[in-house]
Amino acid sequence: MFSRSIKIAPSILAADFANFGAECRAIEAQGADWVHVDVMDGHFVPNLTFGPAMCAALRPHIKGVMDVHLMISPVDAYLEAYAKAGADVITAHVEAGPHIHRTLQAIRGLGKKAGVALNPGTPVEVVAELLDMVDMVCVMTVNPGFGGQSFIESQVAKITRLRQMIGDREVHIEIDGGITVATAPLVSKVGADVLVAGSAVFKGGSVDNPAPYGANIRAIRAAAEAVLG
């Protein structure tokens, strides 16, 4: 069932790469709503991360939503592989190819929820003709490629405009980049409901000491909810 309640989606880009399965179990046990998987190709963005085989290996360790963010170009050729790997939500970038409408059709055709992502330099208006065929719009609040970057505050105005454009459609607004206790309220106040956080969730904890993950998730959620009516 669709809900605009705040959802925390830890990015495993900030997790212990040698313990991904255990890390996914730990963050879910500590209150994570979704698990966010950042797929990067070293071409569309300057980093290399996870292929479909990694996602397939993670799937048995994730009880909830596997949120797969494809920062790759070309993207269409890989959609089926990530769908078969168990992604629940597949997000592609509007900048990754000339036919984002076709890409989103293909994701829906694979039986998955479709997301479209926007880089910081891309105006929100480019998704105006896509809002009736997506389940989520992801606003990048850092330039994609690496974790730990600082939040770009100019994107708050973009989120505000996006929320107005969405209206009563059942479309999530996801924010990816620089989410902390300090920045979460800035985006939740203007309509974001899925918050991707990496280092802000994983700092201070480990699979052997996961309690800090829970404390971090609760703190981000509380900060985001505190500004809601």
Protein backbone atom coordinates (compact mmCIF):
# COMPACT_ATOMS: atom_id res chain seq x y z
CA MET A 1 0.00 0.00 0.00
CA PHE A 2 1.32 3.45 -0.92
CA SER A 3 2.40 5.63 1.98
CA ARG A 4 4.19 8.96 2.28
CA SER A 5 5.54 8.02 5.70
CA ILE A 6 9.28 8.51 6.08
CA LYS A 7 11.30 5.53 4.87
CA ILE A 8 15.01 5.16 5.63
CA ALA A 9 16.99 3.36 2.91
CA PRO A 10 20.60 2.77 4.00
CA SER A 11 23.07 2.67 1.13
CA ILE A 12 25.29 -0.41 1.33
CA LEU A 13 27.98 1.62 -0.42
CA ALA A 14 28.92 2.64 3.12
CA ALA A 15 28.75 -0.89 4.54
CA ASP A 16 31.55 -3.39 5.15
CA PHE A 17 32.19 -4.86 1.70
CA ALA A 18 33.41 -8.14 3.23
CA ASN A 19 30.16 -8.65 5.15
CA PHE A 20 27.36 -7.48 2.85
CA GLY A 21 24.88 -10.22 3.70
CA ALA A 22 25.31 -9.70 7.42
CA GLU A 23 25.19 -5.93 6.98
CA CYS A 24 21.85 -6.14 5.14
CA ARG A 25 20.39 -8.32 7.88
CA ALA A 26 21.76 -5.99 10.56
CA ILE A 27 20.32 -2.76 9.14
CA GLU A 28 16.90 -4.33 8.62
CA ALA A 29 16.93 -5.68 12.16
CA GLN A 30 17.82 -2.18 13.33
CA GLY A 31 14.87 -0.53 11.58
CA ALA A 32 15.81 0.12 7.96
CA ASP A 33 12.77 0.24 5.67
CA TRP A 34 14.53 -0.34 2.35
CA VAL A 35 18.05 -1.45 1.35
CA HIS A 36 19.59 0.83 -1.29
CA VAL A 37 22.06 -0.70 -3.74
CA ASP A 38 24.18 1.78 -5.72
CA VAL A 39 25.18 0.27 -9.07
CA MET A 40 27.99 2.24 -10.76
CA ASP A 41 29.80 1.48 -13.99
CA GLY A 42 32.94 3.64 -13.98
CA HIS A 43 31.58 5.33 -17.11
CA PHE A 44 28.34 7.17 -16.32
CA VAL A 45 29.78 7.87 -12.86
CA PRO A 46 33.42 7.74 -11.70
CA ASN A 47 33.21 4.59 -9.58
CA LEU A 48 32.70 0.85 -10.01
CA THR A 49 30.45 -1.13 -7.69
CA PHE A 50 27.98 -4.00 -7.99
CA GLY A 51 26.80 -6.19 -10.82
CA PRO A 52 23.66 -8.33 -11.02
CA ALA A 53 25.40 -11.31 -9.45
CA MET A 54 26.07 -9.29 -6.31
CA CYS A 55 22.43 -8.22 -6.14
CA ALA A 56 21.30 -11.82 -6.56
CA ALA A 57 23.62 -12.86 -3.73
CA LEU A 58 22.23 -10.13 -1.47
CA ARG A 59 18.57 -10.88 -2.17
CA PRO A 60 18.18 -13.77 0.32
CA HIS A 61 19.54 -11.51 3.06
CA ILE A 62 16.97 -8.73 2.44
CA LYS A 63 13.43 -9.29 3.73
CA GLY A 64 12.07 -5.90 2.67
CA VAL A 65 12.52 -3.67 -0.37
CA MET A 66 15.68 -3.97 -2.46
CA ASP A 67 16.06 -0.54 -4.04
CA VAL A 68 18.49 -0.77 -6.97
CA HIS A 69 19.83 2.53 -8.30
CA LEU A 70 21.41 2.08 -11.73
CA MET A 71 24.05 4.75 -12.30
CA ILE A 72 25.06 3.15 -15.57
CA SER A 73 24.93 3.93 -19.28
CA PRO A 74 23.69 2.33 -21.41
CA VAL A 75 21.09 1.00 -19.02
CA ASP A 76 18.43 -0.85 -21.03
CA ALA A 77 20.57 -3.91 -21.75
CA TYR A 78 20.95 -4.61 -18.01
CA LEU A 79 17.40 -4.13 -16.77
CA GLU A 80 16.37 -7.76 -17.10
CA ALA A 81 19.46 -8.97 -15.25
CA TYR A 82 18.77 -6.74 -12.25
CA ALA A 83 15.10 -7.67 -12.32
CA LYS A 84 16.03 -11.37 -12.25
CA ALA A 85 18.49 -10.63 -9.43
CA GLY A 86 15.56 -9.64 -7.25
CA ALA A 87 15.33 -5.86 -7.35
CA ASP A 88 11.97 -4.52 -6.18
CA VAL A 89 12.57 -0.96 -7.40
CA ILE A 90 14.84 -0.22 -10.37
CA THR A 91 15.84 3.40 -10.87
CA ALA A 92 17.47 4.70 -14.05
CA HIS A 93 18.88 8.16 -14.70
CA VAL A 94 17.18 10.49 -17.11
CA GLU A 95 20.69 11.49 -18.24
CA ALA A 96 21.82 7.92 -18.98
CA GLY A 97 20.34 7.61 -22.44
CA PRO A 98 18.14 9.21 -25.08
CA HIS A 99 15.00 7.17 -24.40
CA ILE A 100 14.12 7.29 -20.71
CA HIS A 101 10.44 6.73 -21.53
CA ARG A 102 11.33 3.40 -23.17
CA THR A 103 13.55 2.49 -20.22
CA LEU A 104 10.76 3.08 -17.72
CA GLN A 105 8.33 1.08 -19.87
CA ALA A 106 10.81 -1.78 -19.85
CA ILE A 107 11.19 -1.71 -16.05
CA ARG A 108 7.42 -1.80 -15.60
CA GLY A 109 7.22 -4.55 -18.21
CA LEU A 110 9.55 -6.66 -16.07
CA GLY A 111 7.08 -6.38 -13.21
CA LYS A 112 9.21 -3.99 -11.15
CA LYS A 113 8.57 -0.57 -9.68
CA ALA A 114 10.16 2.10 -11.86
CA GLY A 115 12.21 5.01 -10.60
CA VAL A 116 13.77 7.90 -12.49
CA ALA A 117 16.76 9.79 -11.09
CA LEU A 118 17.92 13.36 -11.65
CA ASN A 119 21.47 14.64 -11.23
CA PRO A 120 21.94 17.98 -9.44
CA GLY A 121 22.42 19.90 -12.70
CA THR A 122 19.27 18.50 -14.32
CA PRO A 123 16.08 20.56 -14.04
CA VAL A 124 13.08 18.82 -12.52
CA GLU A 125 10.89 19.78 -15.47
CA VAL A 126 12.41 16.99 -17.57
CA VAL A 127 10.29 14.43 -15.69
CA ALA A 128 6.99 16.23 -16.28
CA GLU A 129 5.96 13.80 -19.03
CA LEU A 130 7.07 10.76 -17.01
CA LEU A 131 5.15 11.16 -13.75
CA ASP A 132 2.27 8.91 -14.83
CA MET A 133 4.61 6.00 -15.51
CA VAL A 134 6.94 6.05 -12.51
CA ASP A 135 6.65 4.90 -8.92
CA MET A 136 9.47 7.10 -7.65
CA VAL A 137 11.59 10.11 -8.56
CA CYS A 138 15.08 10.14 -7.06
CA VAL A 139 16.63 13.57 -6.60
CA MET A 140 20.40 13.42 -6.31
CA THR A 141 21.58 15.88 -3.68
CA VAL A 142 25.23 15.13 -4.45
CA ASN A 143 26.91 14.41 -7.76
CA PRO A 144 26.69 10.63 -8.11
CA GLY A 145 29.77 8.45 -7.83
CA PHE A 146 31.04 8.45 -4.28
CA GLY A 147 29.61 8.31 -0.78
CA GLY A 148 30.36 10.83 1.94
CA GLN A 149 29.80 13.98 -0.14
CA SER A 150 28.17 17.12 1.23
CA PHE A 151 24.49 17.85 0.61
CA ILE A 152 23.80 20.38 -2.17
CA GLU A 153 21.22 22.70 -0.63
CA SER A 154 20.08 24.19 -3.94
CA GLN A 155 18.27 20.91 -4.57
CA VAL A 156 15.67 21.67 -1.89
CA ALA A 157 13.93 24.07 -4.28
CA LYS A 158 13.92 21.31 -6.92
CA ILE A 159 12.25 18.90 -4.46
CA THR A 160 9.65 21.54 -3.66
CA ARG A 161 8.79 21.95 -7.35
CA LEU A 162 8.72 18.19 -7.85
CA ARG A 163 6.25 17.68 -5.02
CA GLN A 164 3.95 20.26 -6.61
CA MET A 165 4.26 18.54 -9.99
CA ILE A 166 3.41 15.12 -8.54
CA GLY A 167 0.21 16.36 -6.93
CA ASP A 168 -1.97 13.45 -5.83
CA ARG A 169 -0.10 10.80 -7.85
CA GLU A 170 1.21 7.85 -5.84
CA VAL A 171 4.85 8.64 -6.58
CA HIS A 172 7.59 8.52 -3.96
CA ILE A 173 10.26 11.20 -3.76
CA GLU A 174 13.62 9.69 -2.87
CA ILE A 175 16.62 11.77 -1.84
CA ASP A 176 20.09 10.36 -2.37
CA GLY A 177 23.20 12.11 -1.13
CA GLY A 178 24.40 13.81 2.02
CA ILE A 179 21.43 12.79 4.17
CA THR A 180 22.13 13.30 7.89
CA VAL A 181 20.18 14.30 10.97
CA ALA A 182 20.78 17.92 9.89
CA THR A 183 19.67 17.59 6.26
CA ALA A 184 16.82 15.06 6.59
CA PRO A 185 14.34 17.71 7.83
CA LEU A 186 15.18 20.02 4.91
CA VAL A 187 13.94 17.44 2.39
CA SER A 188 11.11 15.82 4.35
CA LYS A 189 9.57 19.23 4.98
CA VAL A 190 9.18 19.83 1.23
CA GLY A 191 7.82 16.40 0.35
CA ALA A 192 10.53 13.72 0.30
CA ASP A 193 9.59 10.40 1.86
CA VAL A 194 12.43 7.98 1.00
CA LEU A 195 15.78 9.03 2.46
CA VAL A 196 18.95 7.27 1.33
CA ALA A 197 21.73 7.51 3.90
CA GLY A 198 25.11 5.81 3.82
CA SER A 199 27.77 6.94 6.24
CA ALA A 200 25.15 8.58 8.47
CA VAL A 201 23.63 5.12 9.12
CA PHE A 202 26.74 2.97 9.25
CA LYS A 203 29.01 5.26 11.29
CA GLY A 204 30.03 3.89 14.66
CA GLY A 205 28.66 0.41 14.14
CA SER A 206 29.50 -2.99 12.65
CA VAL A 207 27.87 -6.37 12.13
CA ASP A 208 29.25 -7.32 15.55
CA ASN A 209 27.98 -4.09 17.11
CA PRO A 210 24.86 -3.11 15.13
CA ALA A 211 23.16 -1.03 17.85
CA PRO A 212 24.64 2.23 16.49
CA TYR A 213 22.93 1.50 13.15
CA GLY A 214 19.58 1.49 14.92
CA ALA A 215 20.37 4.66 16.84
CA ASN A 216 21.42 6.41 13.64
CA ILE A 217 18.32 5.27 11.73
CA ARG A 218 16.02 6.39 14.55
CA ALA A 219 17.76 9.77 14.79
CA ILE A 220 17.43 10.44 11.04
CA ARG A 221 13.80 9.33 11.05
CA ALA A 222 12.96 11.46 14.09
CA ALA A 223 14.61 14.52 12.56
CA ALA A 224 12.70 14.04 9.30
CA GLU A 225 9.36 13.50 11.04
CA ALA A 226 9.78 16.40 13.47
CA VAL A 227 9.02 18.97 10.75
CA LEU A 228 5.94 17.21 9.39
CA GLY A 229 2.48 18.40 10.28
